[in-house]
């Protein structure tokens, strides 16, 4: 007989399984690009294991190729990953009471896919015990993390052997569209997304991708301001 925790773990696996379709080519693409940039197999593997964040890995790699200053590389990677801070805040009410060691491990595995799948589950079933929520979260990681590491190494080994006609770079935009589109459910979310797009395009000419840093800050500020204004309007309407 399956225990509630095992059932939650299995549901987590099933919830994130569809993301495999884009995670694999995304990881393969990073492996290919990393080897083309001059990294060897060990460096590619260490890069993926230590960072485990596809978007910031691509951003950092591009800046490394452009010989950007280390400060710019770190700042850009941090800006790309600032969404993880918001993910953590959203997960805290559900997982914040877990032991410190468990939370540290979850922080490492908190990526777009594990957050998206977990957030949907926790909002739909807020009554779940903490143990089952933790099990569900780790279940979402099982189809993603091993395949990410393995596919990265496959891409690194294949390198330039992959024909350009395959166009596996389609995985990058599709992954983020699939993750972010369902989350644009409120005016502040839409405001932040719209502002980030506009500012990024306007500042695309800035060196080393610094326009992305500015866009991230402006977008978060705009979203927060929209939330404050909506809250004030709701309070005045009472």
C-alpha atoms as a PDB file:
ATOM      1  CA  UNK A   1       0.000   0.000   0.000  1.00  0.00           C
ATOM      2  CA  UNK A   2       1.367   3.420  -0.987  1.00  0.00           C
ATOM      3  CA  UNK A   3       1.921   5.826   1.903  1.00  0.00           C
ATOM      4  CA  UNK A   4       0.749   9.468   1.642  1.00  0.00           C
ATOM      5  CA  UNK A   5       4.353  10.669   1.335  1.00  0.00           C
ATOM      6  CA  UNK A   6       5.141   8.266  -1.494  1.00  0.00           C
ATOM      7  CA  UNK A   7       1.913   9.253  -3.189  1.00  0.00           C
ATOM      8  CA  UNK A   8       2.911  12.923  -2.930  1.00  0.00           C
ATOM      9  CA  UNK A   9       6.382  12.120  -4.279  1.00  0.00           C
ATOM     10  CA  UNK A  10       4.842  10.337  -7.267  1.00  0.00           C
ATOM     11  CA  UNK A  11       2.432  13.219  -7.929  1.00  0.00           C
ATOM     12  CA  UNK A  12       5.402  15.581  -7.933  1.00  0.00           C
ATOM     13  CA  UNK A  13       7.203  13.435 -10.498  1.00  0.00           C
ATOM     14  CA  UNK A  14       4.152  13.348 -12.738  1.00  0.00           C
ATOM     15  CA  UNK A  15       3.551  17.098 -12.372  1.00  0.00           C
ATOM     16  CA  UNK A  16       7.017  18.059 -13.606  1.00  0.00           C
ATOM     17  CA  UNK A  17       7.426  15.257 -16.157  1.00  0.00           C
ATOM     18  CA  UNK A  18       6.140  17.375 -19.089  1.00  0.00           C
ATOM     19  CA  UNK A  19       9.001  19.822 -18.553  1.00  0.00           C
ATOM     20  CA  UNK A  20      11.428  17.094 -19.656  1.00  0.00           C
ATOM     21  CA  UNK A  21      10.446  17.841 -23.248  1.00  0.00           C
ATOM     22  CA  UNK A  22      12.201  21.192 -23.097  1.00  0.00           C
ATOM     23  CA  UNK A  23      14.714  20.608 -20.282  1.00  0.00           C
ATOM     24  CA  UNK A  24      16.644  18.003 -22.278  1.00  0.00           C
ATOM     25  CA  UNK A  25      17.293  20.108 -25.416  1.00  0.00           C
ATOM     26  CA  UNK A  26      17.895  23.163 -23.203  1.00  0.00           C
ATOM     27  CA  UNK A  27      20.620  21.289 -21.297  1.00  0.00           C
ATOM     28  CA  UNK A  28      22.093  19.786 -24.462  1.00  0.00           C
ATOM     29  CA  UNK A  29      22.255  23.260 -25.955  1.00  0.00           C
ATOM     30  CA  UNK A  30      24.148  24.564 -22.942  1.00  0.00           C
ATOM     31  CA  UNK A  31      26.634  21.707 -23.190  1.00  0.00           C
ATOM     32  CA  UNK A  32      27.213  22.464 -26.864  1.00  0.00           C
ATOM     33  CA  UNK A  33      27.609  26.206 -26.315  1.00  0.00           C
ATOM     34  CA  UNK A  34      29.892  25.695 -23.319  1.00  0.00           C
ATOM     35  CA  UNK A  35      32.296  23.461 -25.236  1.00  0.00           C
ATOM     36  CA  UNK A  36      32.259  25.872 -28.164  1.00  0.00           C
ATOM     37  CA  UNK A  37      33.240  28.580 -25.671  1.00  0.00           C
ATOM     38  CA  UNK A  38      36.303  26.559 -24.696  1.00  0.00           C
ATOM     39  CA  UNK A  39      35.205  24.724 -21.531  1.00  0.00           C
ATOM     40  CA  UNK A  40      36.258  21.090 -21.157  1.00  0.00           C
ATOM     41  CA  UNK A  41      33.944  18.286 -20.009  1.00  0.00           C
ATOM     42  CA  UNK A  42      34.811  18.600 -16.325  1.00  0.00           C
ATOM     43  CA  UNK A  43      34.322  22.365 -16.369  1.00  0.00           C
ATOM     44  CA  UNK A  44      30.946  22.004 -18.080  1.00  0.00           C
ATOM     45  CA  UNK A  45      29.809  19.456 -15.503  1.00  0.00           C
ATOM     46  CA  UNK A  46      31.011  21.543 -12.567  1.00  0.00           C
ATOM     47  CA  UNK A  47      29.359  24.603 -14.069  1.00  0.00           C
ATOM     48  CA  UNK A  48      25.973  22.858 -14.270  1.00  0.00           C
ATOM     49  CA  UNK A  49      26.207  21.179 -10.873  1.00  0.00           C
ATOM     50  CA  UNK A  50      27.386  24.261  -8.990  1.00  0.00           C
ATOM     51  CA  UNK A  51      24.966  26.730 -10.592  1.00  0.00           C
ATOM     52  CA  UNK A  52      22.019  24.519 -11.642  1.00  0.00           C
ATOM     53  CA  UNK A  53      20.163  27.447 -13.203  1.00  0.00           C
ATOM     54  CA  UNK A  54      19.970  27.324 -16.965  1.00  0.00           C
ATOM     55  CA  UNK A  55      19.178  30.963 -17.724  1.00  0.00           C
ATOM     56  CA  UNK A  56      21.958  32.365 -15.556  1.00  0.00           C
ATOM     57  CA  UNK A  57      24.377  29.748 -16.899  1.00  0.00           C
ATOM     58  CA  UNK A  58      23.729  30.957 -20.447  1.00  0.00           C
ATOM     59  CA  UNK A  59      23.999  34.599 -19.373  1.00  0.00           C
ATOM     60  CA  UNK A  60      27.265  34.041 -17.524  1.00  0.00           C
ATOM     61  CA  UNK A  61      28.722  32.021 -20.392  1.00  0.00           C
ATOM     62  CA  UNK A  62      27.888  34.725 -22.916  1.00  0.00           C
ATOM     63  CA  UNK A  63      29.505  37.401 -20.766  1.00  0.00           C
ATOM     64  CA  UNK A  64      32.573  35.215 -20.244  1.00  0.00           C
ATOM     65  CA  UNK A  65      32.910  34.939 -24.030  1.00  0.00           C
ATOM     66  CA  UNK A  66      32.591  38.721 -24.261  1.00  0.00           C
ATOM     67  CA  UNK A  67      35.378  39.020 -21.651  1.00  0.00           C
ATOM     68  CA  UNK A  68      33.135  41.059 -19.382  1.00  0.00           C
ATOM     69  CA  UNK A  69      34.449  42.027 -15.940  1.00  0.00           C
ATOM     70  CA  UNK A  70      33.821  39.461 -13.212  1.00  0.00           C
ATOM     71  CA  UNK A  71      31.627  41.936 -11.334  1.00  0.00           C
ATOM     72  CA  UNK A  72      29.333  42.282 -14.365  1.00  0.00           C
ATOM     73  CA  UNK A  73      29.138  38.505 -14.812  1.00  0.00           C
ATOM     74  CA  UNK A  74      28.200  37.972 -11.167  1.00  0.00           C
ATOM     75  CA  UNK A  75      25.740  40.868 -11.117  1.00  0.00           C
ATOM     76  CA  UNK A  76      24.008  39.701 -14.288  1.00  0.00           C
ATOM     77  CA  UNK A  77      23.756  36.116 -13.048  1.00  0.00           C
ATOM     78  CA  UNK A  78      22.324  37.406  -9.785  1.00  0.00           C
ATOM     79  CA  UNK A  79      19.796  39.571 -11.612  1.00  0.00           C
ATOM     80  CA  UNK A  80      18.665  36.646 -13.752  1.00  0.00           C
ATOM     81  CA  UNK A  81      18.234  34.542 -10.627  1.00  0.00           C
ATOM     82  CA  UNK A  82      16.463  37.184  -8.551  1.00  0.00           C
ATOM     83  CA  UNK A  83      13.226  35.423  -9.405  1.00  0.00           C
ATOM     84  CA  UNK A  84      14.400  32.620  -7.098  1.00  0.00           C
ATOM     85  CA  UNK A  85      14.065  35.044  -4.211  1.00  0.00           C
ATOM     86  CA  UNK A  86      10.433  35.609  -5.140  1.00  0.00           C
ATOM     87  CA  UNK A  87       9.962  31.863  -5.548  1.00  0.00           C
ATOM     88  CA  UNK A  88      11.338  31.358  -2.034  1.00  0.00           C
ATOM     89  CA  UNK A  89       8.944  33.917  -0.580  1.00  0.00           C
ATOM     90  CA  UNK A  90       6.028  32.170  -2.286  1.00  0.00           C
ATOM     91  CA  UNK A  91       7.157  28.757  -0.996  1.00  0.00           C
ATOM     92  CA  UNK A  92       7.839  29.898   2.578  1.00  0.00           C
ATOM     93  CA  UNK A  93       4.232  29.581   3.844  1.00  0.00           C
ATOM     94  CA  UNK A  94       4.174  25.970   2.663  1.00  0.00           C
ATOM     95  CA  UNK A  95       7.719  24.746   3.337  1.00  0.00           C
ATOM     96  CA  UNK A  96       9.104  27.260   5.834  1.00  0.00           C
ATOM     97  CA  UNK A  97       8.667  24.922   8.807  1.00  0.00           C
ATOM     98  CA  UNK A  98      10.854  22.196   7.327  1.00  0.00           C
ATOM     99  CA  UNK A  99      14.214  21.475   9.040  1.00  0.00           C
ATOM    100  CA  UNK A 100      17.095  23.765   8.092  1.00  0.00           C
ATOM    101  CA  UNK A 101      18.995  21.051   6.228  1.00  0.00           C
ATOM    102  CA  UNK A 102      15.919  20.138   4.217  1.00  0.00           C
ATOM    103  CA  UNK A 103      15.284  23.784   3.353  1.00  0.00           C
ATOM    104  CA  UNK A 104      18.897  24.219   2.257  1.00  0.00           C
ATOM    105  CA  UNK A 105      18.568  21.246  -0.093  1.00  0.00           C
ATOM    106  CA  UNK A 106      15.255  22.544  -1.412  1.00  0.00           C
ATOM    107  CA  UNK A 107      16.869  25.933  -2.025  1.00  0.00           C
ATOM    108  CA  UNK A 108      19.419  24.265  -4.294  1.00  0.00           C
ATOM    109  CA  UNK A 109      16.712  22.440  -6.247  1.00  0.00           C
ATOM    110  CA  UNK A 110      14.350  25.426  -6.417  1.00  0.00           C
ATOM    111  CA  UNK A 111      14.192  26.090 -10.140  1.00  0.00           C
ATOM    112  CA  UNK A 112      11.462  27.279 -12.478  1.00  0.00           C
ATOM    113  CA  UNK A 113      10.041  23.814 -13.038  1.00  0.00           C
ATOM    114  CA  UNK A 114       9.988  22.683  -9.399  1.00  0.00           C
ATOM    115  CA  UNK A 115       8.464  26.000  -8.334  1.00  0.00           C
ATOM    116  CA  UNK A 116       5.779  26.041 -11.027  1.00  0.00           C
ATOM    117  CA  UNK A 117       4.634  22.478 -10.338  1.00  0.00           C
ATOM    118  CA  UNK A 118       4.775  22.874  -6.548  1.00  0.00           C
ATOM    119  CA  UNK A 119       2.974  26.200  -6.500  1.00  0.00           C
ATOM    120  CA  UNK A 120       0.048  24.785  -8.468  1.00  0.00           C
ATOM    121  CA  UNK A 121      -0.186  21.786  -6.122  1.00  0.00           C
ATOM    122  CA  UNK A 122       0.097  23.785  -2.903  1.00  0.00           C
ATOM    123  CA  UNK A 123      -2.494  26.332  -3.987  1.00  0.00           C
ATOM    124  CA  UNK A 124      -4.893  23.585  -5.008  1.00  0.00           C
ATOM    125  CA  UNK A 125      -4.305  21.529  -1.837  1.00  0.00           C
ATOM    126  CA  UNK A 126      -3.245  23.896   0.963  1.00  0.00           C
ATOM    127  CA  UNK A 127      -4.361  21.380   3.595  1.00  0.00           C
ATOM    128  CA  UNK A 128      -1.509  18.973   2.758  1.00  0.00           C
ATOM    129  CA  UNK A 129       0.733  18.151   5.747  1.00  0.00           C
ATOM    130  CA  UNK A 130       4.272  19.531   5.661  1.00  0.00           C
ATOM    131  CA  UNK A 131       5.799  16.088   5.096  1.00  0.00           C
ATOM    132  CA  UNK A 132       3.683  15.545   1.977  1.00  0.00           C
ATOM    133  CA  UNK A 133       4.481  19.017   0.641  1.00  0.00           C
ATOM    134  CA  UNK A 134       8.196  18.352   1.069  1.00  0.00           C
ATOM    135  CA  UNK A 135       7.813  14.976  -0.643  1.00  0.00           C
ATOM    136  CA  UNK A 136       5.896  16.556  -3.523  1.00  0.00           C
ATOM    137  CA  UNK A 137       8.570  19.223  -3.988  1.00  0.00           C
ATOM    138  CA  UNK A 138      11.375  16.679  -4.178  1.00  0.00           C
ATOM    139  CA  UNK A 139       9.226  14.610  -6.506  1.00  0.00           C
ATOM    140  CA  UNK A 140       9.170  17.505  -8.959  1.00  0.00           C
ATOM    141  CA  UNK A 141      12.969  17.473  -9.025  1.00  0.00           C
ATOM    142  CA  UNK A 142      13.381  13.774  -9.835  1.00  0.00           C
ATOM    143  CA  UNK A 143      12.552  14.035 -13.570  1.00  0.00           C
ATOM    144  CA  UNK A 144      14.440  17.327 -13.970  1.00  0.00           C
ATOM    145  CA  UNK A 145      17.792  17.398 -12.150  1.00  0.00           C
ATOM    146  CA  UNK A 146      19.365  14.087 -13.298  1.00  0.00           C
ATOM    147  CA  UNK A 147      18.341  14.717 -16.906  1.00  0.00           C
ATOM    148  CA  UNK A 148      19.717  18.248 -16.749  1.00  0.00           C
ATOM    149  CA  UNK A 149      23.161  17.031 -15.664  1.00  0.00           C
ATOM    150  CA  UNK A 150      23.234  14.074 -18.070  1.00  0.00           C
ATOM    151  CA  UNK A 151      21.947  16.102 -21.024  1.00  0.00           C
ATOM    152  CA  UNK A 152      24.495  18.827 -20.336  1.00  0.00           C
ATOM    153  CA  UNK A 153      27.272  16.276 -20.580  1.00  0.00           C
ATOM    154  CA  UNK A 154      25.741  14.778 -23.740  1.00  0.00           C
ATOM    155  CA  UNK A 155      25.740  18.236 -25.304  1.00  0.00           C
ATOM    156  CA  UNK A 156      29.316  18.823 -24.209  1.00  0.00           C
ATOM    157  CA  UNK A 157      30.453  15.532 -25.751  1.00  0.00           C
ATOM    158  CA  UNK A 158      28.558  16.074 -28.973  1.00  0.00           C
ATOM    159  CA  UNK A 159      29.708  19.664 -29.307  1.00  0.00           C
ATOM    160  CA  UNK A 160      29.847  20.813 -32.863  1.00  0.00           C
ATOM    161  CA  UNK A 161      28.741  17.402 -34.116  1.00  0.00           C
ATOM    162  CA  UNK A 162      25.088  18.507 -33.749  1.00  0.00           C
ATOM    163  CA  UNK A 163      23.944  19.882 -37.134  1.00  0.00           C
ATOM    164  CA  UNK A 164      22.762  23.505 -36.982  1.00  0.00           C
ATOM    165  CA  UNK A 165      19.579  22.425 -38.811  1.00  0.00           C
ATOM    166  CA  UNK A 166      18.364  20.806 -35.591  1.00  0.00           C
ATOM    167  CA  UNK A 167      17.841  24.288 -34.078  1.00  0.00           C
ATOM    168  CA  UNK A 168      17.625  22.988 -30.521  1.00  0.00           C
ATOM    169  CA  UNK A 169      17.846  26.537 -29.198  1.00  0.00           C
ATOM    170  CA  UNK A 170      14.037  26.618 -29.503  1.00  0.00           C
ATOM    171  CA  UNK A 171      13.986  25.108 -25.996  1.00  0.00           C
ATOM    172  CA  UNK A 172      15.102  28.322 -24.304  1.00  0.00           C
ATOM    173  CA  UNK A 173      12.140  30.609 -25.126  1.00  0.00           C
ATOM    174  CA  UNK A 174       9.600  27.773 -25.026  1.00  0.00           C
ATOM    175  CA  UNK A 175      10.677  26.769 -21.517  1.00  0.00           C
ATOM    176  CA  UNK A 176      10.177  30.246 -20.115  1.00  0.00           C
ATOM    177  CA  UNK A 177       6.940  30.833 -21.991  1.00  0.00           C
ATOM    178  CA  UNK A 178       5.529  27.571 -20.636  1.00  0.00           C
ATOM    179  CA  UNK A 179       6.522  28.521 -17.094  1.00  0.00           C
ATOM    180  CA  UNK A 180       5.695  32.212 -16.958  1.00  0.00           C
ATOM    181  CA  UNK A 181       2.531  32.428 -19.061  1.00  0.00           C
ATOM    182  CA  UNK A 182       0.295  30.547 -16.582  1.00  0.00           C
ATOM    183  CA  UNK A 183       1.608  32.760 -13.760  1.00  0.00           C
ATOM    184  CA  UNK A 184       0.473  36.027 -15.326  1.00  0.00           C
ATOM    185  CA  UNK A 185      -2.774  35.902 -13.405  1.00  0.00           C
ATOM    186  CA  UNK A 186      -2.813  39.351 -11.812  1.00  0.00           C
ATOM    187  CA  UNK A 187      -2.287  42.948 -12.876  1.00  0.00           C
ATOM    188  CA  UNK A 188       1.042  43.329 -10.963  1.00  0.00           C
ATOM    189  CA  UNK A 189       2.399  40.208 -12.692  1.00  0.00           C
ATOM    190  CA  UNK A 190       1.395  41.519 -16.103  1.00  0.00           C
ATOM    191  CA  UNK A 191       2.807  44.969 -15.330  1.00  0.00           C
ATOM    192  CA  UNK A 192       6.158  43.513 -14.245  1.00  0.00           C
ATOM    193  CA  UNK A 193       6.356  41.276 -17.319  1.00  0.00           C
ATOM    194  CA  UNK A 194       5.428  44.083 -19.707  1.00  0.00           C
ATOM    195  CA  UNK A 195       7.843  46.571 -18.180  1.00  0.00           C
ATOM    196  CA  UNK A 196      10.693  44.046 -18.237  1.00  0.00           C
ATOM    197  CA  UNK A 197      10.156  43.401 -21.948  1.00  0.00           C
ATOM    198  CA  UNK A 198       9.971  47.084 -22.881  1.00  0.00           C
ATOM    199  CA  UNK A 199      12.968  48.176 -20.796  1.00  0.00           C
ATOM    200  CA  UNK A 200      15.084  45.234 -21.958  1.00  0.00           C
ATOM    201  CA  UNK A 201      14.416  46.115 -25.595  1.00  0.00           C
ATOM    202  CA  UNK A 202      15.075  49.813 -25.035  1.00  0.00           C
ATOM    203  CA  UNK A 203      18.398  49.110 -23.319  1.00  0.00           C
ATOM    204  CA  UNK A 204      19.499  46.256 -25.575  1.00  0.00           C
ATOM    205  CA  UNK A 205      22.440  48.333 -26.811  1.00  0.00           C
ATOM    206  CA  UNK A 206      24.113  48.668 -23.419  1.00  0.00           C
ATOM    207  CA  UNK A 207      27.396  46.754 -23.078  1.00  0.00           C
ATOM    208  CA  UNK A 208      27.676  43.349 -21.396  1.00  0.00           C
ATOM    209  CA  UNK A 209      23.910  42.983 -21.136  1.00  0.00           C
ATOM    210  CA  UNK A 210      23.691  45.533 -18.332  1.00  0.00           C
ATOM    211  CA  UNK A 211      20.306  46.563 -19.721  1.00  0.00           C
ATOM    212  CA  UNK A 212      18.983  43.315 -18.266  1.00  0.00           C
ATOM    213  CA  UNK A 213      20.066  44.411 -14.786  1.00  0.00           C
ATOM    214  CA  UNK A 214      18.230  47.695 -15.111  1.00  0.00           C
ATOM    215  CA  UNK A 215      15.157  46.000 -16.595  1.00  0.00           C
ATOM    216  CA  UNK A 216      14.977  43.518 -13.733  1.00  0.00           C
ATOM    217  CA  UNK A 217      15.052  46.255 -11.095  1.00  0.00           C
ATOM    218  CA  UNK A 218      12.554  48.481 -12.912  1.00  0.00           C
ATOM    219  CA  UNK A 219      10.189  45.562 -13.560  1.00  0.00           C
ATOM    220  CA  UNK A 220      10.183  44.428  -9.939  1.00  0.00           C
ATOM    221  CA  UNK A 221       9.630  47.975  -8.777  1.00  0.00           C
ATOM    222  CA  UNK A 222       6.775  48.437 -11.239  1.00  0.00           C
ATOM    223  CA  UNK A 223       5.109  45.209 -10.168  1.00  0.00           C
ATOM    224  CA  UNK A 224       5.443  46.127  -6.506  1.00  0.00           C
ATOM    225  CA  UNK A 225       4.024  49.597  -7.147  1.00  0.00           C
ATOM    226  CA  UNK A 226       1.072  48.124  -9.041  1.00  0.00           C
ATOM    227  CA  UNK A 227       0.412  45.806  -6.088  1.00  0.00           C
ATOM    228  CA  UNK A 228       0.478  48.739  -3.650  1.00  0.00           C
ATOM    229  CA  UNK A 229      -1.883  50.819  -5.782  1.00  0.00           C
ATOM    230  CA  UNK A 230      -4.327  47.938  -6.139  1.00  0.00           C
ATOM    231  CA  UNK A 231      -4.240  47.311  -2.404  1.00  0.00           C
ATOM    232  CA  UNK A 232      -4.977  50.965  -1.706  1.00  0.00           C
ATOM    233  CA  UNK A 233      -7.877  50.914  -4.154  1.00  0.00           C
ATOM    234  CA  UNK A 234      -9.315  47.821  -2.487  1.00  0.00           C
ATOM    235  CA  UNK A 235      -9.006  49.437   0.951  1.00  0.00           C
ATOM    236  CA  UNK A 236     -10.699  52.621  -0.214  1.00  0.00           C
ATOM    237  CA  UNK A 237     -13.510  50.602  -1.731  1.00  0.00           C
ATOM    238  CA  UNK A 238     -14.436  49.031   1.573  1.00  0.00           C
END
